[in-house]
N, C-alpha and C. Protein backbone atom coordinates (compact mmCIF):
# COMPACT_ATOMS: atom_id res chain seq x y z
N CYS A 1 84.56 73.11 120.32
CA CYS A 1 85.43 74.30 120.37
C CYS A 1 84.93 75.32 119.36
N LEU A 2 85.38 76.56 119.54
CA LEU A 2 84.97 77.62 118.64
C LEU A 2 85.89 77.65 117.43
N VAL A 3 85.33 77.70 116.25
CA VAL A 3 86.11 77.78 115.01
C VAL A 3 85.99 79.20 114.48
N PRO A 4 87.10 79.96 114.37
CA PRO A 4 87.01 81.34 113.90
C PRO A 4 86.52 81.41 112.46
N ASN A 5 85.72 82.42 112.17
CA ASN A 5 85.22 82.64 110.82
C ASN A 5 86.28 83.44 110.06
N PHE A 6 87.00 82.74 109.15
CA PHE A 6 88.11 83.40 108.46
C PHE A 6 87.63 84.54 107.58
N ASN A 7 86.43 84.39 106.99
CA ASN A 7 85.92 85.45 106.12
C ASN A 7 85.66 86.73 106.93
N ASN A 8 85.12 86.56 108.16
CA ASN A 8 84.91 87.73 109.01
C ASN A 8 86.24 88.36 109.40
N TYR A 9 87.23 87.50 109.70
CA TYR A 9 88.57 88.01 110.05
C TYR A 9 89.17 88.76 108.88
N ARG A 10 89.02 88.20 107.66
CA ARG A 10 89.55 88.85 106.47
C ARG A 10 88.91 90.23 106.28
N THR A 11 87.59 90.30 106.50
CA THR A 11 86.89 91.57 106.33
C THR A 11 87.36 92.59 107.36
N SER A 12 87.49 92.15 108.63
CA SER A 12 87.90 93.07 109.69
C SER A 12 89.31 93.59 109.47
N MET A 13 90.17 92.79 108.84
CA MET A 13 91.56 93.19 108.58
C MET A 13 91.72 93.86 107.22
N ASN A 14 90.61 94.02 106.48
CA ASN A 14 90.66 94.63 105.15
C ASN A 14 91.60 93.89 104.21
N ILE A 15 91.57 92.58 104.27
CA ILE A 15 92.42 91.77 103.40
C ILE A 15 91.61 91.38 102.16
N PRO A 16 92.01 91.81 100.98
CA PRO A 16 91.26 91.44 99.77
C PRO A 16 91.35 89.95 99.51
N ARG A 17 90.34 89.42 98.81
CA ARG A 17 90.40 88.01 98.43
C ARG A 17 91.61 87.76 97.53
N GLY A 18 92.23 86.61 97.73
CA GLY A 18 93.42 86.27 96.96
C GLY A 18 94.70 86.76 97.62
N TYR A 19 94.57 87.36 98.81
CA TYR A 19 95.74 87.86 99.53
C TYR A 19 95.75 87.30 100.95
N LYS A 20 96.88 87.43 101.62
CA LYS A 20 96.99 86.93 102.99
C LYS A 20 97.87 87.87 103.82
N GLN A 21 97.67 87.82 105.11
CA GLN A 21 98.45 88.64 106.03
C GLN A 21 99.72 87.89 106.43
N THR A 22 100.88 88.56 106.38
CA THR A 22 102.15 87.97 106.80
C THR A 22 102.89 88.98 107.67
N GLU A 23 104.05 88.56 108.17
CA GLU A 23 104.87 89.47 108.98
C GLU A 23 105.38 90.65 108.16
N LEU A 24 105.35 90.53 106.83
CA LEU A 24 105.78 91.63 105.96
C LEU A 24 104.61 92.48 105.49
N GLY A 25 103.42 92.09 105.88
CA GLY A 25 102.23 92.79 105.41
C GLY A 25 101.37 91.88 104.55
N ILE A 26 100.48 92.47 103.78
CA ILE A 26 99.57 91.70 102.94
C ILE A 26 100.24 91.37 101.61
N ILE A 27 100.24 90.09 101.26
CA ILE A 27 100.85 89.64 100.00
C ILE A 27 99.89 88.67 99.32
N PRO A 28 100.06 88.42 98.01
CA PRO A 28 99.21 87.43 97.31
C PRO A 28 99.31 86.06 97.97
N GLU A 29 98.23 85.30 97.90
CA GLU A 29 98.19 83.98 98.55
C GLU A 29 99.18 83.00 97.95
N ASP A 30 99.54 83.18 96.68
CA ASP A 30 100.48 82.25 96.07
C ASP A 30 101.92 82.76 96.15
N TRP A 31 102.16 83.73 97.01
CA TRP A 31 103.52 84.17 97.33
C TRP A 31 103.89 83.60 98.69
N GLU A 32 105.18 83.63 99.01
CA GLU A 32 105.62 83.19 100.33
C GLU A 32 106.71 84.11 100.86
N VAL A 33 106.84 84.12 102.17
CA VAL A 33 107.90 84.90 102.82
C VAL A 33 109.09 83.99 103.07
N VAL A 34 110.27 84.42 102.61
CA VAL A 34 111.49 83.64 102.79
C VAL A 34 112.59 84.56 103.30
N THR A 35 113.67 83.97 103.74
CA THR A 35 114.86 84.73 104.11
C THR A 35 115.94 84.51 103.06
N ILE A 36 116.94 85.35 103.10
CA ILE A 36 118.06 85.17 102.18
C ILE A 36 118.67 83.79 102.35
N ASP A 37 118.78 83.34 103.59
CA ASP A 37 119.39 82.03 103.84
C ASP A 37 118.56 80.89 103.26
N ASP A 38 117.24 81.10 103.10
CA ASP A 38 116.39 80.06 102.53
C ASP A 38 116.69 79.79 101.06
N VAL A 39 117.00 80.85 100.32
CA VAL A 39 117.08 80.70 98.86
C VAL A 39 118.47 81.00 98.28
N LEU A 40 119.36 81.58 99.10
CA LEU A 40 120.68 81.95 98.60
C LEU A 40 121.78 81.38 99.47
N SER A 41 122.92 81.12 98.85
CA SER A 41 124.14 80.80 99.59
C SER A 41 125.12 81.94 99.39
N MET A 42 126.06 82.07 100.30
CA MET A 42 127.15 83.04 100.15
C MET A 42 128.37 82.25 99.70
N ALA A 43 128.72 82.37 98.43
CA ALA A 43 129.81 81.58 97.86
C ALA A 43 131.15 81.99 98.47
N THR A 44 131.98 81.01 98.76
CA THR A 44 133.29 81.28 99.38
C THR A 44 134.44 80.56 98.66
N LYS A 45 134.14 79.81 97.61
CA LYS A 45 135.20 79.07 96.90
C LYS A 45 136.22 80.04 96.34
N THR A 46 137.50 79.68 96.43
CA THR A 46 138.56 80.51 95.87
C THR A 46 139.13 79.87 94.61
N ILE A 47 139.64 80.72 93.73
CA ILE A 47 140.24 80.26 92.48
C ILE A 47 141.56 80.99 92.27
N SER A 48 142.38 80.44 91.42
CA SER A 48 143.67 81.06 91.10
C SER A 48 143.45 82.29 90.22
N THR A 49 144.23 83.32 90.45
CA THR A 49 144.10 84.54 89.64
C THR A 49 144.57 84.32 88.20
N SER A 50 145.23 83.21 87.95
CA SER A 50 145.68 82.91 86.59
C SER A 50 144.57 82.27 85.75
N SER A 51 143.42 82.00 86.38
CA SER A 51 142.36 81.27 85.69
C SER A 51 141.32 82.18 85.03
N PHE A 52 141.47 83.50 85.14
CA PHE A 52 140.50 84.40 84.51
C PHE A 52 141.19 85.72 84.14
N ASP A 53 140.56 86.44 83.24
CA ASP A 53 141.06 87.75 82.80
C ASP A 53 140.98 88.73 83.97
N HIS A 54 142.09 89.40 84.29
CA HIS A 54 142.13 90.28 85.46
C HIS A 54 141.20 91.48 85.36
N LYS A 55 140.80 91.86 84.17
CA LYS A 55 139.86 92.97 84.06
C LYS A 55 138.49 92.59 84.59
N PHE A 56 138.28 91.27 84.78
CA PHE A 56 137.01 90.79 85.33
C PHE A 56 137.08 90.62 86.85
N TYR A 57 138.16 91.10 87.45
CA TYR A 57 138.25 91.08 88.91
C TYR A 57 137.32 92.16 89.47
N ILE A 58 136.60 91.82 90.53
CA ILE A 58 135.69 92.76 91.15
C ILE A 58 136.14 93.02 92.58
N GLY A 59 136.53 94.26 92.83
CA GLY A 59 136.86 94.69 94.19
C GLY A 59 135.91 95.80 94.59
N THR A 60 135.94 96.18 95.83
CA THR A 60 135.05 97.26 96.26
C THR A 60 135.37 98.56 95.54
N GLU A 61 136.63 98.69 95.08
CA GLU A 61 137.05 99.93 94.43
C GLU A 61 136.52 100.08 93.01
N ASN A 62 136.22 98.99 92.33
CA ASN A 62 135.67 99.13 90.98
C ASN A 62 134.20 98.73 90.89
N MET A 63 133.56 98.63 92.06
CA MET A 63 132.10 98.55 92.09
C MET A 63 131.57 99.98 92.22
N LEU A 64 130.60 100.32 91.41
CA LEU A 64 130.10 101.69 91.35
C LEU A 64 128.96 101.89 92.35
N SER A 65 128.96 103.03 93.00
CA SER A 65 127.93 103.33 93.99
C SER A 65 126.58 103.56 93.33
N GLU A 66 125.55 103.60 94.15
CA GLU A 66 124.17 103.85 93.71
C GLU A 66 123.71 102.85 92.63
N LYS A 67 124.13 101.58 92.82
CA LYS A 67 123.61 100.48 92.00
C LYS A 67 123.96 100.62 90.51
N ARG A 68 125.13 101.21 90.21
CA ARG A 68 125.50 101.44 88.82
C ARG A 68 126.42 100.36 88.26
N GLY A 69 126.49 99.23 88.95
CA GLY A 69 127.25 98.11 88.41
C GLY A 69 128.73 98.17 88.72
N VAL A 70 129.56 97.80 87.74
CA VAL A 70 131.00 97.73 87.94
C VAL A 70 131.72 98.34 86.73
N SER A 71 132.99 98.65 86.94
CA SER A 71 133.86 99.09 85.85
C SER A 71 135.01 98.09 85.73
N PRO A 72 135.65 97.98 84.55
CA PRO A 72 136.76 97.04 84.40
C PRO A 72 137.88 97.34 85.40
N TYR A 73 138.47 96.31 85.95
CA TYR A 73 139.56 96.50 86.93
C TYR A 73 140.84 96.84 86.19
N SER A 74 141.55 97.85 86.70
CA SER A 74 142.78 98.27 86.03
C SER A 74 143.93 98.48 87.02
N GLY A 75 143.76 98.05 88.26
CA GLY A 75 144.81 98.24 89.25
C GLY A 75 145.83 97.12 89.23
N THR A 76 146.77 97.20 90.18
CA THR A 76 147.76 96.13 90.33
C THR A 76 147.07 94.89 90.87
N PHE A 77 147.70 93.74 90.66
CA PHE A 77 147.05 92.48 91.02
C PHE A 77 148.03 91.60 91.78
N PRO A 78 148.18 91.81 93.09
CA PRO A 78 149.17 91.06 93.86
C PRO A 78 148.65 89.72 94.40
N TYR A 79 147.39 89.37 94.12
CA TYR A 79 146.78 88.20 94.74
C TYR A 79 147.08 86.92 93.95
N LEU A 80 147.17 85.81 94.67
CA LEU A 80 147.31 84.50 94.03
C LEU A 80 145.97 83.76 94.00
N GLN A 81 145.14 84.01 95.02
CA GLN A 81 143.83 83.37 95.11
C GLN A 81 142.78 84.45 95.41
N VAL A 82 141.62 84.34 94.79
CA VAL A 82 140.52 85.26 95.05
C VAL A 82 139.21 84.45 95.10
N ARG A 83 138.16 85.09 95.55
CA ARG A 83 136.86 84.43 95.63
C ARG A 83 136.25 84.32 94.23
N GLU A 84 135.68 83.17 93.94
CA GLU A 84 135.08 82.94 92.63
C GLU A 84 133.65 83.48 92.57
N TYR A 85 133.29 84.06 91.44
CA TYR A 85 131.88 84.34 91.17
C TYR A 85 131.52 83.79 89.79
N LEU A 86 130.26 83.44 89.61
CA LEU A 86 129.75 82.84 88.38
C LEU A 86 128.68 83.74 87.76
N THR A 87 128.39 83.50 86.49
CA THR A 87 127.32 84.22 85.82
C THR A 87 126.01 84.05 86.60
N TYR A 88 125.30 85.16 86.78
CA TYR A 88 124.03 85.25 87.51
C TYR A 88 124.19 85.30 89.02
N ASP A 89 125.44 85.28 89.52
CA ASP A 89 125.64 85.58 90.93
C ASP A 89 125.36 87.06 91.16
N ILE A 90 125.01 87.39 92.39
CA ILE A 90 124.75 88.79 92.76
C ILE A 90 125.83 89.22 93.72
N LEU A 91 126.59 90.23 93.32
CA LEU A 91 127.72 90.70 94.11
C LEU A 91 127.37 92.02 94.79
N THR A 92 127.67 92.11 96.08
CA THR A 92 127.49 93.36 96.81
C THR A 92 128.73 93.65 97.64
N SER A 93 129.08 94.91 97.74
CA SER A 93 130.20 95.30 98.60
C SER A 93 129.74 95.23 100.04
N ASN A 94 130.51 94.54 100.88
CA ASN A 94 130.14 94.43 102.29
C ASN A 94 130.73 95.56 103.12
N ILE A 95 131.51 96.42 102.49
CA ILE A 95 132.07 97.59 103.17
C ILE A 95 131.21 98.80 102.84
N ARG A 96 130.83 99.55 103.87
CA ARG A 96 129.99 100.74 103.72
C ARG A 96 128.75 100.44 102.84
N PRO A 97 127.86 99.63 103.35
CA PRO A 97 126.66 99.26 102.58
C PRO A 97 125.86 100.44 102.08
N TYR A 98 125.97 101.60 102.75
CA TYR A 98 125.19 102.76 102.34
C TYR A 98 125.58 103.27 100.95
N LEU A 99 126.71 102.82 100.42
CA LEU A 99 127.11 103.22 99.07
C LEU A 99 126.32 102.48 97.99
N LYS A 100 125.62 101.42 98.39
CA LYS A 100 124.73 100.68 97.49
C LYS A 100 125.47 100.16 96.25
N LYS A 101 126.54 99.41 96.49
CA LYS A 101 127.30 98.82 95.39
C LYS A 101 126.81 97.40 95.16
N ILE A 102 126.29 97.15 93.97
CA ILE A 102 125.71 95.84 93.66
C ILE A 102 125.81 95.58 92.17
N TRP A 103 125.92 94.30 91.81
CA TRP A 103 126.05 93.93 90.39
C TRP A 103 125.52 92.51 90.19
N LEU A 104 124.73 92.33 89.15
CA LEU A 104 124.29 91.00 88.72
C LEU A 104 125.28 90.53 87.67
N ALA A 105 126.08 89.54 88.01
CA ALA A 105 127.20 89.12 87.16
C ALA A 105 126.73 88.59 85.82
N ASP A 106 127.35 89.08 84.75
CA ASP A 106 127.06 88.59 83.40
C ASP A 106 128.23 87.79 82.84
N ARG A 107 129.14 87.38 83.74
CA ARG A 107 130.32 86.60 83.34
C ARG A 107 130.87 85.91 84.59
N CYS A 108 131.90 85.11 84.40
CA CYS A 108 132.58 84.48 85.52
C CYS A 108 133.87 85.23 85.81
N GLY A 109 134.33 85.15 87.03
CA GLY A 109 135.59 85.82 87.38
C GLY A 109 135.91 85.65 88.85
N GLY A 110 136.72 86.57 89.37
CA GLY A 110 137.12 86.52 90.77
C GLY A 110 136.86 87.85 91.44
N CYS A 111 136.74 87.82 92.75
CA CYS A 111 136.43 89.06 93.46
C CYS A 111 137.12 89.09 94.82
N SER A 112 137.06 90.25 95.44
CA SER A 112 137.64 90.48 96.76
C SER A 112 136.84 89.75 97.83
N SER A 113 137.49 89.44 98.93
CA SER A 113 136.79 88.84 100.07
C SER A 113 135.88 89.85 100.76
N ASP A 114 136.01 91.13 100.42
CA ASP A 114 135.12 92.17 100.94
C ASP A 114 133.83 92.27 100.13
N VAL A 115 133.69 91.42 99.12
CA VAL A 115 132.49 91.38 98.30
C VAL A 115 131.70 90.12 98.64
N ILE A 116 130.42 90.28 98.93
CA ILE A 116 129.56 89.12 99.18
C ILE A 116 129.07 88.59 97.84
N VAL A 117 129.21 87.29 97.64
CA VAL A 117 128.73 86.64 96.42
C VAL A 117 127.49 85.82 96.77
N PHE A 118 126.33 86.36 96.41
CA PHE A 118 125.07 85.63 96.63
C PHE A 118 124.82 84.71 95.43
N ARG A 119 124.47 83.47 95.72
CA ARG A 119 124.20 82.51 94.65
C ARG A 119 122.87 81.80 94.91
N VAL A 120 122.01 81.81 93.90
CA VAL A 120 120.71 81.13 94.03
C VAL A 120 120.93 79.63 94.22
N LYS A 121 120.27 79.06 95.21
CA LYS A 121 120.45 77.64 95.50
C LYS A 121 119.79 76.74 94.46
N ASP A 122 118.64 77.18 93.94
CA ASP A 122 117.91 76.34 92.99
C ASP A 122 117.32 77.23 91.89
N THR A 123 117.98 77.27 90.73
CA THR A 123 117.51 78.12 89.64
C THR A 123 116.26 77.56 88.96
N ASN A 124 115.85 76.35 89.34
CA ASN A 124 114.60 75.81 88.80
C ASN A 124 113.37 76.42 89.47
N THR A 125 113.57 77.01 90.63
CA THR A 125 112.45 77.61 91.36
C THR A 125 112.66 79.08 91.67
N ILE A 126 113.90 79.55 91.57
CA ILE A 126 114.21 80.94 91.92
C ILE A 126 114.92 81.62 90.76
N CYS A 127 114.43 82.81 90.38
CA CYS A 127 115.03 83.59 89.29
C CYS A 127 116.07 84.55 89.86
N PRO A 128 117.34 84.43 89.45
CA PRO A 128 118.37 85.34 89.97
C PRO A 128 118.05 86.81 89.74
N ALA A 129 117.45 87.14 88.60
CA ALA A 129 117.13 88.54 88.31
C ALA A 129 116.09 89.07 89.30
N TYR A 130 115.17 88.21 89.72
CA TYR A 130 114.19 88.65 90.73
C TYR A 130 114.89 88.92 92.05
N ILE A 131 115.79 88.03 92.44
CA ILE A 131 116.54 88.22 93.68
C ILE A 131 117.36 89.50 93.62
N TYR A 132 117.90 89.79 92.44
CA TYR A 132 118.65 91.05 92.29
C TYR A 132 117.76 92.25 92.60
N THR A 133 116.51 92.24 92.15
CA THR A 133 115.62 93.36 92.44
C THR A 133 115.37 93.49 93.94
N ILE A 134 115.38 92.38 94.66
CA ILE A 134 115.18 92.41 96.11
C ILE A 134 116.41 92.99 96.80
N ILE A 135 117.59 92.48 96.45
CA ILE A 135 118.80 92.90 97.14
C ILE A 135 119.22 94.31 96.75
N SER A 136 118.81 94.75 95.56
CA SER A 136 119.18 96.12 95.15
C SER A 136 118.20 97.16 95.68
N ASP A 137 117.18 96.73 96.40
CA ASP A 137 116.23 97.68 96.98
C ASP A 137 116.88 98.42 98.15
N ASP A 138 116.52 99.68 98.31
CA ASP A 138 117.12 100.50 99.38
C ASP A 138 116.91 99.89 100.76
N SER A 139 115.79 99.19 100.96
CA SER A 139 115.51 98.62 102.27
C SER A 139 116.55 97.57 102.66
N PHE A 140 117.10 96.85 101.67
CA PHE A 140 118.15 95.87 101.99
C PHE A 140 119.40 96.58 102.47
N PHE A 141 119.80 97.66 101.81
CA PHE A 141 121.00 98.37 102.22
C PHE A 141 120.81 99.03 103.59
N ARG A 142 119.61 99.52 103.88
CA ARG A 142 119.34 100.07 105.21
C ARG A 142 119.45 98.97 106.26
N TYR A 143 118.92 97.79 105.94
CA TYR A 143 119.00 96.65 106.85
C TYR A 143 120.46 96.28 107.12
N SER A 144 121.28 96.27 106.06
CA SER A 144 122.69 95.95 106.21
C SER A 144 123.40 96.96 107.10
N MET A 145 123.05 98.24 106.93
CA MET A 145 123.67 99.28 107.74
C MET A 145 123.23 99.19 109.20
N ASP A 146 121.97 98.84 109.42
CA ASP A 146 121.46 98.74 110.80
C ASP A 146 122.20 97.68 111.60
N SER A 147 122.67 96.64 110.92
CA SER A 147 123.37 95.56 111.61
C SER A 147 124.88 95.60 111.37
N ALA A 148 125.36 96.68 110.73
CA ALA A 148 126.79 96.77 110.37
C ALA A 148 127.66 96.89 111.61
N ILE A 149 128.89 96.44 111.47
CA ILE A 149 129.87 96.48 112.54
C ILE A 149 130.95 97.51 112.18
N GLY A 150 131.26 98.41 113.11
CA GLY A 150 132.27 99.43 112.86
C GLY A 150 131.63 100.76 112.53
N THR A 151 132.42 101.82 112.64
CA THR A 151 131.89 103.16 112.39
C THR A 151 132.54 103.82 111.18
N LYS A 152 133.88 103.87 111.14
CA LYS A 152 134.57 104.53 110.02
C LYS A 152 134.39 103.75 108.72
N MET A 153 134.56 102.44 108.80
CA MET A 153 134.39 101.56 107.63
C MET A 153 133.43 100.43 108.01
N PRO A 154 132.14 100.75 108.16
CA PRO A 154 131.19 99.72 108.61
C PRO A 154 131.10 98.55 107.64
N ARG A 155 130.99 97.36 108.21
CA ARG A 155 130.85 96.15 107.41
C ARG A 155 129.54 95.47 107.80
N GLY A 156 128.84 94.96 106.79
CA GLY A 156 127.60 94.25 107.06
C GLY A 156 127.86 92.97 107.84
N ASP A 157 126.99 92.66 108.77
CA ASP A 157 127.07 91.43 109.55
C ASP A 157 126.41 90.32 108.73
N LYS A 158 127.20 89.38 108.25
CA LYS A 158 126.69 88.35 107.35
C LYS A 158 125.63 87.47 108.01
N SER A 159 125.79 87.22 109.30
CA SER A 159 124.80 86.42 110.01
C SER A 159 123.45 87.12 110.02
N ALA A 160 123.46 88.44 110.22
CA ALA A 160 122.22 89.21 110.21
C ALA A 160 121.65 89.30 108.80
N ILE A 161 122.53 89.48 107.83
CA ILE A 161 122.08 89.59 106.44
C ILE A 161 121.32 88.34 106.01
N LYS A 162 121.76 87.19 106.47
CA LYS A 162 121.10 85.93 106.10
C LYS A 162 119.65 85.87 106.57
N THR A 163 119.31 86.67 107.58
CA THR A 163 117.95 86.63 108.12
C THR A 163 117.02 87.65 107.45
N TYR A 164 117.54 88.42 106.52
CA TYR A 164 116.70 89.41 105.82
C TYR A 164 115.58 88.68 105.09
N SER A 165 114.34 89.11 105.32
CA SER A 165 113.19 88.41 104.75
C SER A 165 112.50 89.25 103.68
N PHE A 166 111.87 88.56 102.75
CA PHE A 166 111.17 89.23 101.65
C PHE A 166 110.11 88.29 101.08
N ALA A 167 109.23 88.84 100.28
CA ALA A 167 108.17 88.03 99.66
C ALA A 167 108.56 87.65 98.24
N ILE A 168 108.15 86.47 97.83
CA ILE A 168 108.51 85.99 96.50
C ILE A 168 107.37 85.15 95.92
N PRO A 169 107.04 85.33 94.64
CA PRO A 169 106.02 84.47 94.02
C PRO A 169 106.52 83.03 93.95
N GLN A 170 105.62 82.08 94.12
CA GLN A 170 106.00 80.68 93.96
C GLN A 170 106.21 80.33 92.49
N SER A 171 105.60 81.11 91.59
CA SER A 171 105.72 80.86 90.16
C SER A 171 107.01 81.47 89.62
N LEU A 172 107.84 80.64 89.00
CA LEU A 172 109.09 81.12 88.41
C LEU A 172 108.80 82.11 87.29
N SER A 173 107.78 81.84 86.48
CA SER A 173 107.45 82.73 85.37
C SER A 173 107.03 84.11 85.88
N GLU A 174 106.34 84.16 87.01
CA GLU A 174 105.94 85.45 87.57
C GLU A 174 107.17 86.20 88.09
N GLN A 175 108.09 85.48 88.70
CA GLN A 175 109.34 86.11 89.14
C GLN A 175 110.07 86.76 87.96
N LYS A 176 110.15 86.01 86.86
CA LYS A 176 110.84 86.51 85.67
C LYS A 176 110.13 87.73 85.09
N ALA A 177 108.79 87.70 85.08
CA ALA A 177 108.03 88.82 84.53
C ALA A 177 108.23 90.09 85.36
N ILE A 178 108.23 89.93 86.68
CA ILE A 178 108.46 91.09 87.56
C ILE A 178 109.86 91.64 87.36
N ALA A 179 110.85 90.76 87.31
CA ALA A 179 112.23 91.19 87.12
C ALA A 179 112.40 91.92 85.79
N LYS A 180 111.76 91.42 84.73
CA LYS A 180 111.85 92.04 83.40
C LYS A 180 111.22 93.44 83.42
N ALA A 181 110.05 93.56 84.05
CA ALA A 181 109.37 94.86 84.10
C ALA A 181 110.22 95.89 84.84
N LEU A 182 110.80 95.49 85.96
CA LEU A 182 111.62 96.42 86.75
C LEU A 182 112.93 96.75 86.03
N SER A 183 113.49 95.76 85.32
CA SER A 183 114.70 96.01 84.55
C SER A 183 114.44 97.01 83.42
N ASP A 184 113.28 96.89 82.77
CA ASP A 184 112.92 97.83 81.71
C ASP A 184 112.80 99.25 82.26
N VAL A 185 112.24 99.39 83.45
CA VAL A 185 112.13 100.71 84.07
C VAL A 185 113.52 101.27 84.38
N ASP A 186 114.41 100.42 84.90
CA ASP A 186 115.79 100.86 85.18
C ASP A 186 116.48 101.32 83.91
N ASP A 187 116.29 100.60 82.81
CA ASP A 187 116.89 100.98 81.54
C ASP A 187 116.36 102.34 81.07
N LEU A 188 115.06 102.56 81.26
CA LEU A 188 114.46 103.83 80.87
C LEU A 188 115.03 104.97 81.70
N ILE A 189 115.17 104.75 83.00
CA ILE A 189 115.73 105.78 83.88
C ILE A 189 117.16 106.10 83.47
N ALA A 190 117.95 105.06 83.16
CA ALA A 190 119.34 105.27 82.75
C ALA A 190 119.42 106.07 81.46
N ALA A 191 118.53 105.77 80.52
CA ALA A 191 118.51 106.50 79.25
C ALA A 191 118.14 107.96 79.47
N LEU A 192 117.18 108.21 80.35
CA LEU A 192 116.77 109.59 80.64
C LEU A 192 117.89 110.34 81.36
N ASP A 193 118.60 109.65 82.25
CA ASP A 193 119.73 110.29 82.94
C ASP A 193 120.80 110.74 81.95
N LYS A 194 121.06 109.90 80.92
CA LYS A 194 122.04 110.27 79.90
C LYS A 194 121.57 111.49 79.11
N LYS A 195 120.28 111.53 78.80
CA LYS A 195 119.74 112.68 78.07
C LYS A 195 119.85 113.96 78.89
N ILE A 196 119.55 113.84 80.19
CA ILE A 196 119.65 115.00 81.07
C ILE A 196 121.09 115.51 81.13
N ALA A 197 122.04 114.58 81.27
CA ALA A 197 123.45 114.97 81.32
C ALA A 197 123.87 115.67 80.04
N LYS A 198 123.40 115.15 78.89
CA LYS A 198 123.74 115.76 77.60
C LYS A 198 123.15 117.15 77.49
N LYS A 199 121.90 117.34 77.91
CA LYS A 199 121.25 118.64 77.86
C LYS A 199 121.97 119.65 78.77
N ARG A 200 122.47 119.19 79.89
CA ARG A 200 123.20 120.08 80.79
C ARG A 200 124.48 120.58 80.14
N LEU A 201 125.16 119.66 79.41
CA LEU A 201 126.37 120.08 78.71
C LEU A 201 126.06 121.11 77.63
N VAL A 202 124.95 120.87 76.91
CA VAL A 202 124.53 121.83 75.88
C VAL A 202 124.23 123.19 76.50
N LYS A 203 123.53 123.18 77.62
CA LYS A 203 123.19 124.42 78.30
C LYS A 203 124.44 125.15 78.78
N GLN A 204 125.38 124.36 79.34
CA GLN A 204 126.63 124.97 79.82
C GLN A 204 127.40 125.61 78.69
N GLY A 205 127.44 124.91 77.54
CA GLY A 205 128.14 125.47 76.39
C GLY A 205 127.45 126.73 75.87
N ALA A 206 126.13 126.73 75.86
CA ALA A 206 125.39 127.91 75.40
C ALA A 206 125.61 129.11 76.30
N MET A 207 125.65 128.87 77.60
CA MET A 207 125.85 129.96 78.55
C MET A 207 127.26 130.53 78.43
N GLN A 208 128.22 129.66 78.15
CA GLN A 208 129.59 130.16 77.96
C GLN A 208 129.72 131.02 76.70
């Protein structure tokens, strides 16, 4: 039988050495393509509202748009049971995904059933901070909207969300390094945004 020459194929496809072709495009050979369902679970356990500080409740109303995290909850609290979230869980609002509401939990607490709680299945092989960079990418929110149900208040289809695929390094240390680099850039952008806002106030005061 004929055996294809992989080196010739690699050259014809313009694939650099150390990389491979996948359904997502060209990625490093030591990376793999996975789906959300492969590495994450959607937590559904409920807990009593008396078991945590109510300011740590996360609802769609106190999740901030454009990936700005959350604010302390200050509304009324009529619930007896809510969905549990744990430190390092990734929370996203499943209502109107285009608002891009997402938060990497730095504490434990409870949340609304309208919030998806993503939990890494194996923290020995998967870095939650790396997964956060994947889910906070605009392409994930576009994917959620493409499969959303409803028009006025669209909700992401959880079954479709589970099939969202992405590339991930097999090395945990590489995942952590990528997450740290991207987090540092986000911190720099946030600091510059604050400076810009302050300069605008100064300019407004000067013009007045």
